[in-house]
Amino acid sequence: MAAPQQINDTPEAKEVAELIARSRAAQAQIEHYTQEQVDRLIRGMVWAVAQPGVAEEIAQHTVDESQLGNYEGKFLKISRKTRAALMDIIDDKSVGVIEEDKERNLVKIAKPVGVIGALSPSTNPEATPVIKSICAVKGRNSIIIAPHPRAKITNKIICDKMREALVKLGAPADLVIPIETPSVEKTNEVMRQCDRVLATGGGPMVHAAYSSGTPALGVGVGNAVITVDDTADLDEAAEKIRISKTLDLAASCSSDNSVILFDSIYDEMLQKLQDQGGFVVTGEDKVKLQNTIWKDGALNTAIVAQPASKIAGMAGIDLPEGKTFLIVPETGYGPDHPFSGEKLSVTMALYRAKDIDEAIELTNNIQGYQGRGHSCGIYSYNDENIMKLAESTYTSRVMVNQPQSASNSGNLWNGMRQTFSLGCGSWGGNATNNNISWEDLVNITWVSKPLAKTKEIPSDEELFGKDIIAELA
């Protein structure tokens, strides 16, 4: 665990210090749990919130409290995503010796970090506390969850159910502690006093996590860009883009924010997107929509994760019945073209490109404005195009022929780690590119024994090469 810090003399700091002390005491009780004991706990934690009847109640309460997203999306996350996340890690070895490298004669031993301080955003407040909690406990840690105020009751309900399950399974409830009355000051204190920060949320909170003085795992800004090339199955692509764009009303930052269509399939694909429920917004309506989605240069929180009908109504746009997402044709990118940025709504910008090279250039320019390092996708059956996009973009994830928002954080149809915390690497100002899981919440002790045969440094000719030696002589 981290070295103890001096506690600030404020009511918030003292309140958090008491929670930290409780959390440390609970963590100490499971520090030497076996793998079987740990896995029994995380199974119970997920069952407590995902079981039939309970999942439905949580999904409905999340929508009612946060007023973000929809019931169908919330239910999928609390019922299916949590199960998938458990399945993803349940067979992993996280206790004791987790790896042996016989060639290098190394043994790796996993040990807990201590108290995890976690942030839970308003956009994914149903599954985020569960997934972060089971990842923490999988590593024999405890966790304190600071929710967005807009979902504080949802967070408490979920945490209380996990706490009850822990007690029934013979473990301390305080392995999971919710901040019941959240504030910026309390959240900052949690991050300052815990042993590792697991930050998911808006840019300011992630920045605060990195500035807390505690080792932090943060995530970057989303702004997924999706390319559809001339080898794609257009019906498949249109359906999956619609699924991704409308899942939980685009509460996820992995939702398709921009879609790039090859010229050769542009008109046909646009029609298929319209057939899937897309509505094209141009001219004066585009100006009205822009002035609705952004206020004084900032995203208008009133449109986040809202139905297309509500957004269109706020903008004064007549939306035909059956239209569920908005398509805005765009050519530029950057601050003067706000539709090129993250919108957290069922609105996507639409671009055209003559080939994969132009699509790559557009992707990099769009994400150079917002979302660099996060993720992009492609609908294609041309491996050369797929790999060229992957090799030439500054991105941590490329989803191929998959609905972006349901896939890059892991799903049953791919091998990505199940999470809601997506590292964006140095491109996004993060320390990691990976889908954050329990492996990021343990310390590793390396045991090194002498090799059976000592390594020998080869001759200079072998090591450097005769050409290098000659050229530098």
Protein backbone atom coordinates (compact mmCIF):
# COMPACT_ATOMS: atom_id res chain seq x y z
CA MET A 1 0.00 0.00 0.00
CA ALA A 2 0.98 3.62 -0.43
CA ALA A 3 2.82 5.54 2.23
CA PRO A 4 0.38 7.29 4.61
CA GLN A 5 -0.29 10.93 3.80
CA GLN A 6 -1.01 13.76 6.16
CA ILE A 7 -4.78 14.26 6.37
CA ASN A 8 -6.14 17.71 5.54
CA ASP A 9 -7.97 19.42 8.37
CA THR A 10 -11.36 19.63 6.68
CA PRO A 11 -14.63 17.81 7.41
CA GLU A 12 -14.47 16.09 4.01
CA ALA A 13 -10.91 14.89 4.58
CA LYS A 14 -11.75 13.55 8.02
CA GLU A 15 -14.87 11.78 6.76
CA VAL A 16 -12.90 10.14 3.96
CA ALA A 17 -10.09 9.21 6.36
CA GLU A 18 -12.63 7.27 8.43
CA LEU A 19 -13.84 5.45 5.32
CA ILE A 20 -10.26 4.68 4.30
CA ALA A 21 -9.58 3.23 7.75
CA ARG A 22 -12.64 1.00 7.48
CA SER A 23 -11.64 -0.04 3.98
CA ARG A 24 -8.08 -0.89 5.08
CA ALA A 25 -9.37 -3.01 7.94
CA ALA A 26 -11.61 -4.93 5.56
CA GLN A 27 -8.83 -5.43 3.02
CA ALA A 28 -6.52 -6.76 5.70
CA GLN A 29 -9.05 -9.53 6.42
CA ILE A 30 -8.85 -10.91 2.87
CA GLU A 31 -5.20 -10.16 2.15
CA HIS A 32 -4.32 -13.83 2.55
CA TYR A 33 -7.47 -15.31 1.03
CA THR A 34 -7.03 -18.23 -1.35
CA GLN A 35 -7.98 -18.08 -5.01
CA GLU A 36 -11.08 -20.11 -4.29
CA GLN A 37 -12.20 -17.74 -1.53
CA VAL A 38 -11.65 -14.66 -3.69
CA ASP A 39 -13.52 -16.12 -6.66
CA ARG A 40 -16.41 -17.12 -4.43
CA LEU A 41 -16.74 -13.49 -3.33
CA ILE A 42 -16.81 -12.00 -6.81
CA ARG A 43 -19.36 -14.56 -7.99
CA GLY A 44 -21.61 -13.52 -5.12
CA MET A 45 -21.10 -9.81 -5.78
CA VAL A 46 -22.25 -10.11 -9.38
CA TRP A 47 -25.16 -12.41 -8.58
CA ALA A 48 -26.38 -9.94 -5.95
CA VAL A 49 -27.04 -7.29 -8.61
CA ALA A 50 -27.50 -9.28 -11.84
CA GLN A 51 -29.97 -11.92 -10.70
CA PRO A 52 -33.45 -11.87 -12.29
CA GLY A 53 -35.73 -9.35 -10.63
CA VAL A 54 -32.92 -7.31 -9.11
CA ALA A 55 -31.32 -6.38 -12.44
CA GLU A 56 -34.64 -5.04 -13.71
CA GLU A 57 -35.10 -2.88 -10.63
CA ILE A 58 -31.59 -1.46 -10.87
CA ALA A 59 -31.97 -0.72 -14.59
CA GLN A 60 -35.21 1.17 -14.04
CA HIS A 61 -33.87 3.07 -11.05
CA THR A 62 -30.76 4.09 -12.98
CA VAL A 63 -32.86 5.64 -15.74
CA ASP A 64 -35.24 7.29 -13.28
CA GLU A 65 -32.45 8.85 -11.24
CA SER A 66 -29.92 9.80 -13.88
CA GLN A 67 -32.39 10.64 -16.67
CA LEU A 68 -29.72 9.35 -19.06
CA GLY A 69 -29.95 6.51 -21.54
CA ASN A 70 -32.79 4.03 -21.63
CA TYR A 71 -34.02 0.99 -19.74
CA GLU A 72 -32.96 -1.50 -22.42
CA GLY A 73 -29.37 -0.26 -22.40
CA LYS A 74 -29.15 -0.16 -18.61
CA PHE A 75 -30.59 -3.66 -18.30
CA LEU A 76 -28.07 -5.05 -20.79
CA LYS A 77 -25.23 -3.54 -18.78
CA ILE A 78 -26.30 -4.63 -15.31
CA SER A 79 -27.54 -8.07 -16.37
CA ARG A 80 -25.31 -9.10 -19.28
CA LYS A 81 -22.16 -6.97 -19.10
CA THR A 82 -21.55 -7.82 -15.44
CA ARG A 83 -21.95 -11.53 -16.16
CA ALA A 84 -19.57 -11.26 -19.11
CA ALA A 85 -17.03 -9.38 -16.98
CA LEU A 86 -17.20 -12.10 -14.30
CA MET A 87 -16.83 -14.84 -16.89
CA ASP A 88 -13.85 -12.99 -18.37
CA ILE A 89 -11.82 -13.04 -15.13
CA ILE A 90 -13.17 -15.92 -13.06
CA ASP A 91 -10.61 -18.47 -14.30
CA ASP A 92 -7.64 -16.08 -14.05
CA LYS A 93 -5.05 -16.82 -11.38
CA SER A 94 -4.71 -13.65 -9.30
CA VAL A 95 -3.47 -15.05 -5.97
CA GLY A 96 0.09 -16.17 -5.23
CA VAL A 97 2.22 -17.41 -8.12
CA ILE A 98 0.47 -16.27 -11.29
CA GLU A 99 3.22 -16.96 -13.82
CA GLU A 100 6.41 -18.97 -14.19
CA ASP A 101 8.93 -18.23 -16.96
CA LYS A 102 11.13 -21.29 -16.99
CA GLU A 103 13.39 -20.01 -19.75
CA ARG A 104 14.35 -16.94 -17.70
CA ASN A 105 13.91 -18.75 -14.36
CA LEU A 106 11.46 -16.14 -13.10
CA VAL A 107 8.39 -16.48 -10.90
CA LYS A 108 5.74 -13.75 -10.55
CA ILE A 109 3.72 -13.42 -7.37
CA ALA A 110 0.59 -11.22 -7.26
CA LYS A 111 -0.06 -9.15 -4.17
CA PRO A 112 -2.84 -6.67 -3.36
CA VAL A 113 -2.42 -2.93 -3.78
CA GLY A 114 -4.66 -2.05 -0.82
CA VAL A 115 -7.51 0.44 -1.08
CA ILE A 116 -8.72 1.29 -4.58
CA GLY A 117 -10.36 4.67 -5.06
CA ALA A 118 -12.78 4.46 -7.97
CA LEU A 119 -14.80 7.04 -9.86
CA SER A 120 -18.13 6.07 -11.41
CA PRO A 121 -19.62 8.28 -14.14
CA SER A 122 -23.25 9.27 -14.59
CA THR A 123 -23.33 7.71 -18.05
CA ASN A 124 -22.51 4.14 -16.89
CA PRO A 125 -23.41 4.10 -13.19
CA GLU A 126 -25.02 0.66 -13.21
CA ALA A 127 -22.25 -1.74 -14.31
CA THR A 128 -19.18 0.40 -13.59
CA PRO A 129 -19.29 -0.03 -9.77
CA VAL A 130 -19.77 -3.77 -10.15
CA ILE A 131 -16.97 -4.35 -12.66
CA LYS A 132 -14.52 -2.15 -10.78
CA SER A 133 -15.42 -3.84 -7.50
CA ILE A 134 -14.93 -7.40 -8.72
CA CYS A 135 -11.63 -6.44 -10.34
CA ALA A 136 -10.51 -4.91 -7.04
CA VAL A 137 -11.56 -7.91 -4.94
CA LYS A 138 -10.10 -10.33 -7.51
CA GLY A 139 -6.75 -8.80 -6.55
CA ARG A 140 -7.65 -9.01 -2.80
CA ASN A 141 -8.16 -5.26 -2.54
CA SER A 142 -10.96 -3.19 -1.08
CA ILE A 143 -12.64 -0.37 -2.98
CA ILE A 144 -14.29 2.98 -2.27
CA ILE A 145 -16.55 4.22 -5.05
CA ALA A 146 -17.17 7.94 -5.60
CA PRO A 147 -20.19 8.30 -7.89
CA HIS A 148 -21.37 11.19 -10.00
CA PRO A 149 -23.99 13.07 -7.92
CA ARG A 150 -26.54 12.40 -10.64
CA ALA A 151 -26.40 8.66 -9.85
CA LYS A 152 -25.50 8.57 -6.16
CA ILE A 153 -28.56 6.58 -5.06
CA THR A 154 -28.06 4.04 -7.84
CA ASN A 155 -24.47 3.64 -6.69
CA LYS A 156 -25.54 3.12 -3.08
CA ILE A 157 -28.18 0.55 -4.01
CA ILE A 158 -25.68 -1.45 -6.05
CA CYS A 159 -22.92 -1.22 -3.44
CA ASP A 160 -25.31 -2.16 -0.63
CA LYS A 161 -26.36 -5.30 -2.48
CA MET A 162 -22.75 -6.30 -2.99
CA ARG A 163 -22.01 -5.53 0.67
CA GLU A 164 -24.88 -7.76 1.78
CA ALA A 165 -23.59 -10.58 -0.40
CA LEU A 166 -20.07 -10.23 1.01
CA VAL A 167 -21.35 -10.54 4.58
CA LYS A 168 -23.41 -13.62 3.72
CA LEU A 169 -20.28 -15.18 2.24
CA GLY A 170 -18.28 -14.52 5.39
CA ALA A 171 -16.33 -11.46 4.23
CA PRO A 172 -16.42 -7.87 5.54
CA ALA A 173 -18.99 -5.55 3.96
CA ASP A 174 -16.44 -2.74 3.88
CA LEU A 175 -14.59 -4.36 1.01
CA VAL A 176 -17.00 -2.15 -0.98
CA ILE A 177 -17.85 1.30 0.34
CA PRO A 178 -19.92 3.89 -1.54
CA ILE A 179 -19.59 7.63 -1.04
CA GLU A 180 -23.21 8.30 -0.17
CA THR A 181 -23.22 12.10 -0.47
CA PRO A 182 -20.61 12.81 -3.12
CA SER A 183 -18.85 16.11 -3.67
CA VAL A 184 -15.79 17.23 -5.56
CA GLU A 185 -13.96 17.69 -2.25
CA LYS A 186 -14.73 14.15 -1.06
CA THR A 187 -13.81 12.63 -4.40
CA ASN A 188 -10.50 14.48 -4.36
CA GLU A 189 -9.82 13.22 -0.84
CA VAL A 190 -10.61 9.62 -1.81
CA MET A 191 -8.11 9.91 -4.64
CA ARG A 192 -5.53 11.53 -2.38
CA GLN A 193 -5.82 9.03 0.48
CA CYS A 194 -6.28 5.69 -1.34
CA ASP A 195 -3.53 3.46 -2.71
CA ARG A 196 -4.49 3.48 -6.39
CA VAL A 197 -7.04 5.51 -8.33
CA LEU A 198 -9.25 3.95 -10.99
CA ALA A 199 -10.71 6.95 -12.77
CA THR A 200 -13.57 6.88 -15.25
CA GLY A 201 -15.37 10.13 -15.91
CA GLY A 202 -15.03 13.54 -17.49
CA GLY A 203 -11.72 15.15 -18.37
CA PRO A 204 -11.51 17.34 -15.24
CA MET A 205 -11.95 14.37 -12.90
CA VAL A 206 -9.40 12.26 -14.75
CA HIS A 207 -6.97 15.18 -14.62
CA ALA A 208 -7.66 15.50 -10.89
CA ALA A 209 -6.88 11.79 -10.49
CA TYR A 210 -3.48 12.25 -12.14
CA SER A 211 -2.86 15.30 -9.94
CA SER A 212 -3.85 13.58 -6.69
CA GLY A 213 -0.36 12.34 -5.84
CA THR A 214 -1.64 8.74 -5.88
CA PRO A 215 -0.80 6.31 -8.70
CA ALA A 216 -3.76 6.61 -11.07
CA LEU A 217 -5.23 4.69 -13.98
CA GLY A 218 -7.17 7.18 -16.07
CA VAL A 219 -8.97 7.04 -19.37
CA GLY A 220 -8.92 9.43 -22.31
CA VAL A 221 -11.68 11.17 -24.22
CA GLY A 222 -13.70 9.01 -26.59
CA ASN A 223 -14.63 10.05 -30.13
CA ALA A 224 -14.83 6.84 -32.10
CA VAL A 225 -14.43 7.11 -35.86
CA ILE A 226 -15.78 4.29 -38.03
CA THR A 227 -14.82 3.59 -41.65
CA VAL A 228 -16.94 1.63 -44.13
CA ASP A 229 -14.96 0.53 -47.19
CA ASP A 230 -15.99 -0.89 -50.55
CA THR A 231 -15.70 -4.53 -49.41
CA ALA A 232 -18.06 -4.19 -46.45
CA ASP A 233 -21.38 -5.97 -46.15
CA LEU A 234 -23.43 -2.78 -46.20
CA ASP A 235 -26.53 -4.26 -44.60
CA GLU A 236 -24.42 -5.66 -41.78
CA ALA A 237 -22.57 -2.36 -41.37
CA ALA A 238 -25.72 -0.24 -41.32
CA GLU A 239 -27.41 -2.44 -38.74
CA LYS A 240 -24.38 -2.57 -36.46
CA ILE A 241 -23.79 1.19 -36.71
CA ARG A 242 -27.41 1.72 -35.69
CA ILE A 243 -27.04 -0.70 -32.78
CA SER A 244 -23.88 1.04 -31.62
CA LYS A 245 -25.20 4.58 -32.13
CA THR A 246 -28.43 3.98 -30.21
CA LEU A 247 -27.22 1.63 -27.45
CA ASP A 248 -28.24 3.26 -24.16
CA LEU A 249 -28.88 6.40 -26.25
CA ALA A 250 -25.14 6.85 -26.87
CA ALA A 251 -24.24 7.23 -23.21
CA SER A 252 -20.94 5.52 -24.01
CA CYS A 253 -17.98 7.53 -25.31
CA SER A 254 -17.36 4.56 -27.62
CA SER A 255 -20.47 5.33 -29.63
CA ASP A 256 -19.94 6.05 -33.34
CA ASN A 257 -19.26 9.80 -33.33
CA SER A 258 -18.08 9.97 -36.94
CA VAL A 259 -18.60 7.57 -39.83
CA ILE A 260 -16.47 7.68 -42.98
CA LEU A 261 -17.90 6.12 -46.16
CA PHE A 262 -15.90 5.31 -49.27
CA ASP A 263 -17.13 7.34 -52.27
CA SER A 264 -18.01 4.21 -54.20
CA ILE A 265 -20.59 3.07 -51.62
CA TYR A 266 -21.54 6.46 -50.13
CA ASP A 267 -25.03 6.87 -51.57
CA GLU A 268 -26.05 3.25 -51.11
CA MET A 269 -24.73 3.11 -47.55
CA LEU A 270 -26.33 6.40 -46.60
CA GLN A 271 -29.68 5.06 -47.76
CA LYS A 272 -29.19 1.92 -45.68
CA LEU A 273 -28.40 4.05 -42.62
CA GLN A 274 -31.61 5.97 -43.23
CA ASP A 275 -33.51 2.70 -43.57
CA GLN A 276 -32.11 1.73 -40.14
CA GLY A 277 -33.61 4.86 -38.58
CA GLY A 278 -31.10 7.56 -39.40
CA PHE A 279 -32.27 11.08 -40.22
CA VAL A 280 -30.05 13.38 -42.26
CA VAL A 281 -29.69 16.92 -40.88
CA THR A 282 -28.44 19.63 -43.24
CA GLY A 283 -28.73 23.37 -43.95
CA GLU A 284 -30.52 25.49 -41.37
CA ASP A 285 -31.43 22.41 -39.35
CA LYS A 286 -27.72 21.62 -38.97
CA VAL A 287 -27.15 25.10 -37.53
CA LYS A 288 -30.09 24.65 -35.14
CA LEU A 289 -28.81 21.26 -34.06
CA GLN A 290 -25.31 22.62 -33.49
CA ASN A 291 -26.66 25.45 -31.35
CA THR A 292 -28.61 22.89 -29.30
CA ILE A 293 -25.83 20.35 -28.75
CA TRP A 294 -23.27 23.01 -27.78
CA LYS A 295 -23.82 26.02 -25.54
CA ASP A 296 -21.09 28.64 -25.17
CA GLY A 297 -18.56 26.26 -26.71
CA ALA A 298 -19.31 23.40 -24.32
CA LEU A 299 -21.42 20.28 -24.72
CA ASN A 300 -24.96 20.90 -23.52
CA THR A 301 -25.55 18.32 -20.78
CA ALA A 302 -29.29 18.46 -21.47
CA ILE A 303 -28.82 16.50 -24.72
CA VAL A 304 -26.51 13.79 -23.35
CA ALA A 305 -27.94 10.29 -23.80
CA GLN A 306 -31.39 11.58 -24.78
CA PRO A 307 -33.75 10.24 -27.48
CA ALA A 308 -33.45 11.70 -30.97
CA SER A 309 -37.00 12.99 -30.70
CA LYS A 310 -36.14 15.07 -27.63
CA ILE A 311 -32.96 16.49 -29.18
CA ALA A 312 -34.78 17.34 -32.41
CA GLY A 313 -37.61 18.95 -30.45
CA MET A 314 -35.15 21.10 -28.49
CA ALA A 315 -33.61 22.18 -31.79
CA GLY A 316 -36.91 22.87 -33.48
CA ILE A 317 -36.37 20.15 -36.08
CA ASP A 318 -39.32 18.14 -37.41
CA LEU A 319 -38.25 14.52 -36.91
CA PRO A 320 -40.28 11.90 -38.78
CA GLU A 321 -41.65 8.98 -36.80
CA GLY A 322 -39.33 5.99 -36.53
CA LYS A 323 -36.10 7.98 -36.75
CA THR A 324 -33.80 7.13 -33.85
CA PHE A 325 -30.46 8.77 -34.67
CA LEU A 326 -29.25 11.91 -36.43
CA ILE A 327 -26.77 11.99 -39.33
CA VAL A 328 -24.90 15.23 -40.00
CA PRO A 329 -22.88 15.37 -43.26
CA GLU A 330 -19.53 17.04 -42.50
CA THR A 331 -16.30 17.83 -44.32
CA GLY A 332 -14.14 19.60 -41.73
CA TYR A 333 -12.72 18.86 -38.30
CA GLY A 334 -11.52 20.79 -35.28
CA PRO A 335 -13.03 23.57 -33.16
CA ASP A 336 -14.68 25.23 -36.15
CA HIS A 337 -16.46 21.96 -36.95
CA PRO A 338 -17.85 20.82 -33.57
CA PHE A 339 -19.72 17.86 -35.07
CA SER A 340 -16.28 16.27 -35.56
CA GLY A 341 -15.95 16.00 -31.78
CA GLU A 342 -17.52 13.79 -29.12
CA LYS A 343 -21.26 14.35 -28.83
CA LEU A 344 -22.47 11.79 -26.23
CA SER A 345 -25.76 11.73 -28.11
CA VAL A 346 -27.50 9.83 -30.89
CA THR A 347 -25.86 12.21 -33.37
CA MET A 348 -23.08 11.24 -35.75
CA ALA A 349 -21.03 13.15 -38.29
CA LEU A 350 -20.79 11.64 -41.77
CA TYR A 351 -17.73 11.95 -44.01
CA ARG A 352 -16.71 10.59 -47.37
CA ALA A 353 -13.29 9.35 -48.53
CA LYS A 354 -12.03 8.11 -51.88
CA ASP A 355 -9.92 5.30 -50.37
CA ILE A 356 -8.36 3.91 -47.20
CA ASP A 357 -5.55 6.47 -47.26
CA GLU A 358 -7.99 9.37 -47.16
CA ALA A 359 -10.05 7.58 -44.49
CA ILE A 360 -6.92 7.23 -42.35
CA GLU A 361 -6.06 10.89 -42.82
CA LEU A 362 -9.60 11.91 -41.85
CA THR A 363 -9.56 9.61 -38.81
CA ASN A 364 -6.28 11.05 -37.56
CA ASN A 365 -7.41 14.63 -38.11
CA ILE A 366 -10.77 14.08 -36.40
CA GLN A 367 -9.17 12.33 -33.44
CA GLY A 368 -6.36 14.87 -33.39
CA TYR A 369 -9.12 17.27 -32.36
CA GLN A 370 -10.74 14.90 -29.84
CA GLY A 371 -10.38 11.24 -28.94
CA ARG A 372 -6.83 10.43 -29.92
CA GLY A 373 -5.75 7.06 -28.58
CA HIS A 374 -9.21 5.77 -27.68
CA SER A 375 -10.64 3.67 -30.51
CA CYS A 376 -11.78 3.46 -34.08
CA GLY A 377 -13.45 0.83 -36.20
CA ILE A 378 -13.85 -0.45 -39.71
CA TYR A 379 -16.40 -2.45 -41.67
CA SER A 380 -14.33 -4.29 -44.25
CA TYR A 381 -13.42 -7.70 -45.59
CA ASN A 382 -10.12 -6.43 -46.97
CA ASP A 383 -7.33 -7.40 -44.56
CA GLU A 384 -4.95 -4.96 -46.21
CA ASN A 385 -7.30 -2.05 -45.50
CA ILE A 386 -7.92 -3.27 -41.96
CA MET A 387 -4.25 -3.55 -41.09
CA LYS A 388 -3.34 -0.30 -42.84
CA LEU A 389 -5.93 1.55 -40.74
CA ALA A 390 -4.65 -0.14 -37.57
CA GLU A 391 -1.00 0.59 -38.34
CA SER A 392 -1.53 4.20 -39.42
CA THR A 393 -3.93 5.57 -36.80
CA TYR A 394 -3.08 6.73 -33.29
CA THR A 395 -5.49 4.42 -31.57
CA SER A 396 -5.51 1.74 -28.90
CA ARG A 397 -8.38 -0.32 -30.33
CA VAL A 398 -9.66 -1.14 -33.80
CA MET A 399 -12.98 -2.97 -33.91
CA VAL A 400 -13.52 -4.88 -37.15
CA ASN A 401 -17.10 -5.57 -38.33
CA GLN A 402 -18.47 -5.03 -34.80
CA PRO A 403 -20.80 -2.46 -33.21
CA GLN A 404 -18.23 -0.13 -31.69
CA SER A 405 -19.84 0.90 -28.41
CA ALA A 406 -20.74 -2.67 -27.51
CA SER A 407 -17.39 -4.13 -28.52
CA ASN A 408 -14.26 -2.17 -27.62
CA SER A 409 -14.87 -2.62 -23.89
CA GLY A 410 -15.21 -6.35 -24.45
CA ASN A 411 -18.12 -8.53 -25.48
CA LEU A 412 -18.98 -12.17 -26.00
CA TRP A 413 -18.12 -12.03 -29.70
CA ASN A 414 -14.53 -10.81 -29.23
CA GLY A 415 -11.48 -11.35 -27.06
CA MET A 416 -11.19 -7.86 -25.56
CA ARG A 417 -11.09 -7.59 -21.78
CA GLN A 418 -14.50 -6.77 -20.29
CA THR A 419 -14.35 -3.32 -18.70
CA PHE A 420 -15.66 0.23 -18.84
CA SER A 421 -12.18 1.70 -18.32
CA LEU A 422 -10.31 2.09 -21.59
CA GLY A 423 -6.71 3.26 -21.45
CA CYS A 424 -5.69 5.49 -24.36
CA GLY A 425 -1.90 5.42 -24.07
CA SER A 426 0.33 8.44 -24.42
CA TRP A 427 -1.87 9.64 -27.30
CA GLY A 428 -4.70 10.21 -24.81
CA GLY A 429 -2.52 11.23 -21.87
CA ASN A 430 -2.77 7.83 -20.16
CA ALA A 431 -0.18 5.45 -18.77
CA THR A 432 -1.73 2.39 -20.41
CA ASN A 433 -3.41 1.36 -23.66
CA ASN A 434 -5.15 -1.70 -22.32
CA ASN A 435 -8.69 -2.48 -21.24
CA ILE A 436 -8.19 -2.04 -17.50
CA SER A 437 -8.92 -5.11 -15.38
CA TRP A 438 -7.72 -6.79 -12.19
CA GLU A 439 -4.15 -7.12 -13.54
CA ASP A 440 -3.84 -3.35 -13.17
CA LEU A 441 -4.86 -3.56 -9.52
CA VAL A 442 -2.14 -5.83 -8.14
CA ASN A 443 1.52 -5.48 -7.34
CA ILE A 444 3.91 -8.07 -8.72
CA THR A 445 6.90 -9.54 -6.90
CA TRP A 446 9.47 -11.01 -9.28
CA VAL A 447 11.46 -13.97 -7.97
CA SER A 448 14.67 -14.47 -9.93
CA LYS A 449 16.85 -17.58 -9.63
CA PRO A 450 20.18 -18.15 -11.38
CA LEU A 451 19.96 -19.52 -14.88
CA ALA A 452 21.14 -23.08 -15.44
CA LYS A 453 23.62 -21.67 -17.92
CA THR A 454 24.98 -18.14 -17.62
CA LYS A 455 24.34 -16.01 -20.68
CA GLU A 456 27.35 -14.91 -22.69
CA ILE A 457 27.71 -11.65 -24.59
CA PRO A 458 28.36 -12.55 -28.25
CA SER A 459 31.32 -11.27 -30.23
CA ASP A 460 31.22 -7.67 -31.42
CA GLU A 461 30.71 -8.84 -35.00
CA GLU A 462 27.62 -10.84 -33.98
CA LEU A 463 26.18 -8.22 -31.64
CA PHE A 464 26.74 -5.06 -33.69
CA GLY A 465 27.16 -6.42 -37.20
CA LYS A 466 30.24 -6.00 -39.35
CA ASP A 467 28.55 -3.30 -41.46
CA ILE A 468 27.85 -1.07 -38.41
CA ILE A 469 31.41 -1.51 -37.13
CA ALA A 470 32.84 -0.63 -40.55
CA GLU A 471 30.59 2.38 -41.12
CA LEU A 472 31.36 3.86 -37.70
CA ALA A 473 35.10 3.13 -37.78
